[in-house]
Amino acid sequence: KLEEIRDQERKEDTFTPMPSPYYMELTKLLLNYASDNIPRADEIRTLVKDTWDTRMAKLRLSADSFVRQQEAHAKLDNLTLMEINTTGTFLTQALDHMYKLRTNLQPGESSHSQDF
């Protein structure tokens, strides 16, 4: 099943639904504390990591496209909270820089505008 999930994620351009919104957290907990009781734990770890890496690459490409096209909002279908939080800081900083460039502010200046 994990191989199918990994392969489907690689094949699709969009994010595919995961079996659990907490797949990464559950995997880490189970493999860190009960790997001796899980058959083929190393294989499971690799498959989940491959899926995670594929999803993170898609997320970076989506964020890059989002910033380049100067979008105002994005649809985050089928992403987990952990995946969103992984890129939250980067995306927030990128949007802040875009705002400053658009309003012609210098890095040391601040704006009192409430316009976002």
N, C-alpha and C. Protein backbone atom coordinates (compact mmCIF):
# COMPACT_ATOMS: atom_id res chain seq x y z
N LYS A 1 0.83 -1.20 0.00
CA LYS A 1 0.00 0.00 0.00
C LYS A 1 0.88 1.27 0.00
N LEU A 2 1.94 1.27 0.78
CA LEU A 2 2.83 2.44 0.83
C LEU A 2 3.52 2.68 -0.51
N GLU A 3 3.87 1.60 -1.20
CA GLU A 3 4.47 1.75 -2.53
C GLU A 3 3.48 2.39 -3.49
N GLU A 4 2.21 1.99 -3.41
CA GLU A 4 1.17 2.58 -4.26
C GLU A 4 1.00 4.07 -3.97
N ILE A 5 1.00 4.42 -2.69
CA ILE A 5 0.87 5.83 -2.30
C ILE A 5 2.04 6.64 -2.83
N ARG A 6 3.26 6.12 -2.64
CA ARG A 6 4.44 6.81 -3.13
C ARG A 6 4.40 7.00 -4.65
N ASP A 7 4.06 5.93 -5.37
CA ASP A 7 4.02 5.98 -6.83
C ASP A 7 2.93 6.93 -7.33
N GLN A 8 1.78 6.91 -6.68
CA GLN A 8 0.68 7.82 -7.05
C GLN A 8 1.10 9.28 -6.83
N GLU A 9 1.77 9.53 -5.72
CA GLU A 9 2.21 10.90 -5.42
C GLU A 9 3.22 11.37 -6.46
N ARG A 10 4.09 10.50 -6.88
CA ARG A 10 5.08 10.86 -7.90
C ARG A 10 4.44 11.12 -9.25
N LYS A 11 3.37 10.38 -9.54
CA LYS A 11 2.73 10.46 -10.85
C LYS A 11 1.85 11.71 -11.00
N GLU A 12 1.17 12.11 -9.94
CA GLU A 12 0.22 13.22 -9.99
C GLU A 12 0.94 14.57 -9.88
N ASP A 13 0.39 15.57 -10.55
CA ASP A 13 0.92 16.93 -10.43
C ASP A 13 0.43 17.61 -9.16
N THR A 14 -0.75 17.22 -8.70
CA THR A 14 -1.32 17.80 -7.49
C THR A 14 -1.07 16.87 -6.31
N PHE A 15 -1.38 17.34 -5.13
CA PHE A 15 -1.19 16.54 -3.92
C PHE A 15 -2.30 15.50 -3.83
N THR A 16 -1.93 14.26 -3.56
CA THR A 16 -2.91 13.20 -3.41
C THR A 16 -3.30 13.09 -1.94
N PRO A 17 -4.50 12.62 -1.66
CA PRO A 17 -4.90 12.47 -0.24
C PRO A 17 -4.03 11.40 0.44
N MET A 18 -3.64 11.68 1.64
CA MET A 18 -2.88 10.72 2.43
C MET A 18 -3.85 9.87 3.25
N PRO A 19 -3.45 8.68 3.63
CA PRO A 19 -4.35 7.82 4.41
C PRO A 19 -4.71 8.42 5.78
N SER A 20 -3.85 9.27 6.28
CA SER A 20 -4.11 9.95 7.56
C SER A 20 -3.52 11.36 7.48
N PRO A 21 -4.21 12.34 8.06
CA PRO A 21 -3.63 13.69 8.08
C PRO A 21 -2.41 13.77 9.01
N TYR A 22 -2.15 12.71 9.74
CA TYR A 22 -1.01 12.67 10.67
C TYR A 22 -0.04 11.55 10.29
N TYR A 23 0.05 11.24 8.99
CA TYR A 23 0.86 10.10 8.56
C TYR A 23 2.31 10.21 8.99
N MET A 24 2.89 11.39 8.90
CA MET A 24 4.31 11.54 9.24
C MET A 24 4.52 11.45 10.76
N GLU A 25 3.65 12.09 11.51
CA GLU A 25 3.78 12.04 12.97
C GLU A 25 3.62 10.61 13.48
N LEU A 26 2.60 9.89 12.96
CA LEU A 26 2.37 8.51 13.38
C LEU A 26 3.53 7.61 12.99
N THR A 27 4.05 7.79 11.79
CA THR A 27 5.17 6.98 11.34
C THR A 27 6.38 7.19 12.23
N LYS A 28 6.69 8.45 12.52
CA LYS A 28 7.85 8.73 13.37
C LYS A 28 7.68 8.12 14.76
N LEU A 29 6.51 8.29 15.35
CA LEU A 29 6.27 7.72 16.68
C LEU A 29 6.41 6.20 16.68
N LEU A 30 5.73 5.56 15.74
CA LEU A 30 5.77 4.11 15.70
C LEU A 30 7.17 3.57 15.42
N LEU A 31 7.86 4.18 14.47
CA LEU A 31 9.18 3.66 14.11
C LEU A 31 10.25 4.03 15.13
N ASN A 32 10.06 5.12 15.85
CA ASN A 32 11.04 5.48 16.88
C ASN A 32 10.89 4.64 18.14
N TYR A 33 9.66 4.24 18.46
CA TYR A 33 9.43 3.56 19.73
C TYR A 33 9.02 2.10 19.62
N ALA A 34 8.68 1.63 18.41
CA ALA A 34 8.24 0.25 18.30
C ALA A 34 8.78 -0.43 17.04
N SER A 35 9.89 0.05 16.52
CA SER A 35 10.40 -0.51 15.26
C SER A 35 10.76 -1.99 15.38
N ASP A 36 11.12 -2.44 16.58
CA ASP A 36 11.44 -3.86 16.76
C ASP A 36 10.21 -4.74 16.56
N ASN A 37 9.04 -4.18 16.74
CA ASN A 37 7.80 -4.94 16.62
C ASN A 37 7.13 -4.78 15.25
N ILE A 38 7.75 -4.01 14.37
CA ILE A 38 7.16 -3.74 13.06
C ILE A 38 8.00 -4.43 11.99
N PRO A 39 7.38 -5.41 11.29
CA PRO A 39 8.13 -6.06 10.21
C PRO A 39 8.50 -5.07 9.11
N ARG A 40 9.69 -5.17 8.59
CA ARG A 40 10.18 -4.34 7.49
C ARG A 40 10.12 -2.84 7.82
N ALA A 41 10.49 -2.51 9.04
CA ALA A 41 10.43 -1.12 9.51
C ALA A 41 11.29 -0.20 8.66
N ASP A 42 12.46 -0.65 8.27
CA ASP A 42 13.34 0.20 7.46
C ASP A 42 12.73 0.49 6.10
N GLU A 43 12.07 -0.49 5.52
CA GLU A 43 11.41 -0.30 4.23
C GLU A 43 10.24 0.69 4.37
N ILE A 44 9.51 0.56 5.45
CA ILE A 44 8.40 1.50 5.71
C ILE A 44 8.94 2.91 5.88
N ARG A 45 10.00 3.04 6.65
CA ARG A 45 10.61 4.35 6.86
C ARG A 45 11.04 4.99 5.54
N THR A 46 11.64 4.20 4.66
CA THR A 46 12.10 4.70 3.37
C THR A 46 10.92 5.11 2.48
N LEU A 47 9.88 4.30 2.45
CA LEU A 47 8.71 4.62 1.61
C LEU A 47 8.01 5.90 2.07
N VAL A 48 7.86 6.04 3.37
CA VAL A 48 7.21 7.25 3.90
C VAL A 48 8.10 8.47 3.65
N LYS A 49 9.40 8.32 3.82
CA LYS A 49 10.34 9.42 3.56
C LYS A 49 10.32 9.80 2.08
N ASP A 50 10.26 8.82 1.19
CA ASP A 50 10.18 9.11 -0.24
C ASP A 50 8.91 9.89 -0.57
N THR A 51 7.81 9.48 0.04
CA THR A 51 6.54 10.18 -0.17
C THR A 51 6.63 11.61 0.35
N TRP A 52 7.19 11.77 1.53
CA TRP A 52 7.38 13.10 2.13
C TRP A 52 8.24 13.98 1.22
N ASP A 53 9.36 13.44 0.75
CA ASP A 53 10.26 14.20 -0.11
C ASP A 53 9.57 14.64 -1.40
N THR A 54 8.78 13.76 -1.97
CA THR A 54 8.04 14.10 -3.19
C THR A 54 7.05 15.22 -2.91
N ARG A 55 6.35 15.13 -1.81
CA ARG A 55 5.36 16.16 -1.46
C ARG A 55 6.04 17.49 -1.15
N MET A 56 7.20 17.45 -0.50
CA MET A 56 7.92 18.69 -0.19
C MET A 56 8.43 19.34 -1.48
N ALA A 57 8.87 18.53 -2.43
CA ALA A 57 9.32 19.08 -3.71
C ALA A 57 8.16 19.75 -4.44
N LYS A 58 6.99 19.12 -4.42
CA LYS A 58 5.80 19.72 -5.02
C LYS A 58 5.44 21.02 -4.32
N LEU A 59 5.55 21.02 -3.00
CA LEU A 59 5.21 22.22 -2.23
C LEU A 59 6.16 23.37 -2.54
N ARG A 60 7.46 23.06 -2.67
CA ARG A 60 8.42 24.10 -3.04
C ARG A 60 8.13 24.66 -4.42
N LEU A 61 7.81 23.77 -5.37
CA LEU A 61 7.47 24.23 -6.72
C LEU A 61 6.20 25.07 -6.71
N SER A 62 5.23 24.67 -5.93
CA SER A 62 3.98 25.44 -5.82
C SER A 62 4.22 26.80 -5.20
N ALA A 63 5.04 26.84 -4.16
CA ALA A 63 5.35 28.11 -3.51
C ALA A 63 6.12 29.03 -4.45
N ASP A 64 7.05 28.46 -5.20
CA ASP A 64 7.81 29.24 -6.17
C ASP A 64 6.88 29.83 -7.23
N SER A 65 5.98 29.02 -7.73
CA SER A 65 5.02 29.49 -8.73
C SER A 65 4.11 30.56 -8.14
N PHE A 66 3.68 30.35 -6.91
CA PHE A 66 2.82 31.29 -6.20
C PHE A 66 3.49 32.66 -6.09
N VAL A 67 4.75 32.67 -5.70
CA VAL A 67 5.49 33.91 -5.53
C VAL A 67 5.77 34.57 -6.89
N ARG A 68 6.20 33.78 -7.85
CA ARG A 68 6.51 34.33 -9.18
C ARG A 68 5.28 34.96 -9.86
N GLN A 69 4.13 34.34 -9.67
CA GLN A 69 2.91 34.85 -10.29
C GLN A 69 2.23 35.93 -9.44
N GLN A 70 2.82 36.24 -8.31
CA GLN A 70 2.32 37.27 -7.39
C GLN A 70 0.85 37.04 -7.03
N GLU A 71 0.56 35.81 -6.68
CA GLU A 71 -0.80 35.45 -6.30
C GLU A 71 -1.13 36.02 -4.93
N ALA A 72 -2.41 36.18 -4.66
CA ALA A 72 -2.86 36.71 -3.38
C ALA A 72 -3.29 35.60 -2.42
N HIS A 73 -3.64 34.44 -2.94
CA HIS A 73 -4.04 33.33 -2.08
C HIS A 73 -3.75 32.01 -2.82
N ALA A 74 -3.75 30.92 -2.04
CA ALA A 74 -3.46 29.61 -2.61
C ALA A 74 -4.42 28.58 -2.02
N LYS A 75 -4.71 27.57 -2.79
CA LYS A 75 -5.55 26.47 -2.35
C LYS A 75 -4.63 25.34 -1.91
N LEU A 76 -4.83 24.84 -0.70
CA LEU A 76 -3.93 23.84 -0.14
C LEU A 76 -4.64 22.50 0.06
N ASP A 77 -5.20 21.98 -1.00
CA ASP A 77 -5.91 20.70 -0.91
C ASP A 77 -4.97 19.55 -0.65
N ASN A 78 -5.39 18.68 0.26
CA ASN A 78 -4.70 17.42 0.57
C ASN A 78 -3.34 17.58 1.22
N LEU A 79 -3.03 18.75 1.75
CA LEU A 79 -1.81 18.93 2.52
C LEU A 79 -2.10 18.72 4.01
N THR A 80 -1.14 18.16 4.71
CA THR A 80 -1.31 17.99 6.15
C THR A 80 -0.79 19.24 6.86
N LEU A 81 -1.16 19.39 8.11
CA LEU A 81 -0.70 20.55 8.88
C LEU A 81 0.82 20.58 9.00
N MET A 82 1.43 19.42 9.17
CA MET A 82 2.89 19.39 9.28
C MET A 82 3.54 19.86 7.98
N GLU A 83 2.98 19.47 6.85
CA GLU A 83 3.53 19.89 5.56
C GLU A 83 3.37 21.40 5.38
N ILE A 84 2.24 21.92 5.74
CA ILE A 84 2.00 23.37 5.63
C ILE A 84 2.95 24.13 6.55
N ASN A 85 3.09 23.66 7.77
CA ASN A 85 3.96 24.33 8.74
C ASN A 85 5.43 24.29 8.33
N THR A 86 5.82 23.28 7.57
CA THR A 86 7.20 23.17 7.12
C THR A 86 7.60 24.34 6.24
N THR A 87 6.69 24.83 5.42
CA THR A 87 7.01 25.94 4.52
C THR A 87 6.42 27.27 4.95
N GLY A 88 5.72 27.29 6.07
CA GLY A 88 5.04 28.51 6.52
C GLY A 88 5.97 29.69 6.69
N THR A 89 7.09 29.50 7.36
CA THR A 89 8.02 30.59 7.61
C THR A 89 8.60 31.13 6.30
N PHE A 90 9.02 30.22 5.42
CA PHE A 90 9.58 30.64 4.14
C PHE A 90 8.56 31.45 3.35
N LEU A 91 7.33 30.93 3.25
CA LEU A 91 6.32 31.59 2.45
C LEU A 91 5.93 32.94 3.04
N THR A 92 5.82 33.01 4.34
CA THR A 92 5.50 34.27 5.00
C THR A 92 6.58 35.32 4.74
N GLN A 93 7.84 34.93 4.84
CA GLN A 93 8.93 35.87 4.57
C GLN A 93 8.95 36.28 3.11
N ALA A 94 8.69 35.34 2.20
CA ALA A 94 8.67 35.67 0.77
C ALA A 94 7.56 36.67 0.47
N LEU A 95 6.40 36.46 1.06
CA LEU A 95 5.28 37.39 0.84
C LEU A 95 5.58 38.77 1.43
N ASP A 96 6.26 38.79 2.57
CA ASP A 96 6.65 40.06 3.18
C ASP A 96 7.62 40.82 2.28
N HIS A 97 8.59 40.12 1.72
CA HIS A 97 9.53 40.76 0.79
C HIS A 97 8.82 41.28 -0.45
N MET A 98 7.88 40.49 -0.96
CA MET A 98 7.12 40.92 -2.14
C MET A 98 6.34 42.20 -1.82
N TYR A 99 5.74 42.25 -0.65
CA TYR A 99 4.98 43.42 -0.25
C TYR A 99 5.89 44.65 -0.20
N LYS A 100 7.06 44.48 0.40
CA LYS A 100 8.00 45.60 0.51
C LYS A 100 8.46 46.06 -0.86
N LEU A 101 8.72 45.13 -1.75
CA LEU A 101 9.13 45.51 -3.11
C LEU A 101 8.01 46.24 -3.84
N ARG A 102 6.81 45.79 -3.67
CA ARG A 102 5.68 46.43 -4.33
C ARG A 102 5.44 47.85 -3.82
N THR A 103 5.69 48.06 -2.55
CA THR A 103 5.44 49.38 -1.98
C THR A 103 6.70 50.24 -1.95
N ASN A 104 7.77 49.75 -2.60
CA ASN A 104 9.04 50.47 -2.71
C ASN A 104 9.64 50.85 -1.36
N LEU A 105 9.51 50.00 -0.39
CA LEU A 105 10.12 50.25 0.91
C LEU A 105 11.55 49.75 0.92
N GLN A 106 12.40 50.42 1.63
CA GLN A 106 13.76 49.96 1.84
C GLN A 106 13.73 48.97 3.00
N PRO A 107 14.70 48.04 3.09
CA PRO A 107 14.68 47.01 4.14
C PRO A 107 14.57 47.56 5.55
N GLY A 108 15.13 48.72 5.85
CA GLY A 108 15.09 49.27 7.20
C GLY A 108 13.85 50.08 7.51
N GLU A 109 13.09 50.44 6.52
CA GLU A 109 11.90 51.24 6.73
C GLU A 109 10.72 50.36 7.10
N SER A 110 9.76 50.97 7.75
CA SER A 110 8.53 50.24 8.05
C SER A 110 7.35 51.06 7.57
N SER A 111 6.28 50.40 7.35
CA SER A 111 5.08 51.07 6.86
C SER A 111 4.01 50.98 7.92
N HIS A 112 3.24 52.04 8.06
CA HIS A 112 2.15 52.04 9.01
C HIS A 112 0.83 51.72 8.34
N SER A 113 0.89 51.33 7.11
CA SER A 113 -0.32 51.02 6.35
C SER A 113 -0.94 49.71 6.81
N GLN A 114 -2.25 49.65 6.80
CA GLN A 114 -2.97 48.44 7.13
C GLN A 114 -3.35 47.68 5.84
N ASP A 115 -2.91 48.16 4.70
CA ASP A 115 -3.27 47.57 3.43
C ASP A 115 -2.44 46.33 3.15
N PHE A 116 -3.09 45.18 3.04
CA PHE A 116 -2.41 43.93 2.72
C PHE A 116 -2.98 43.43 1.44
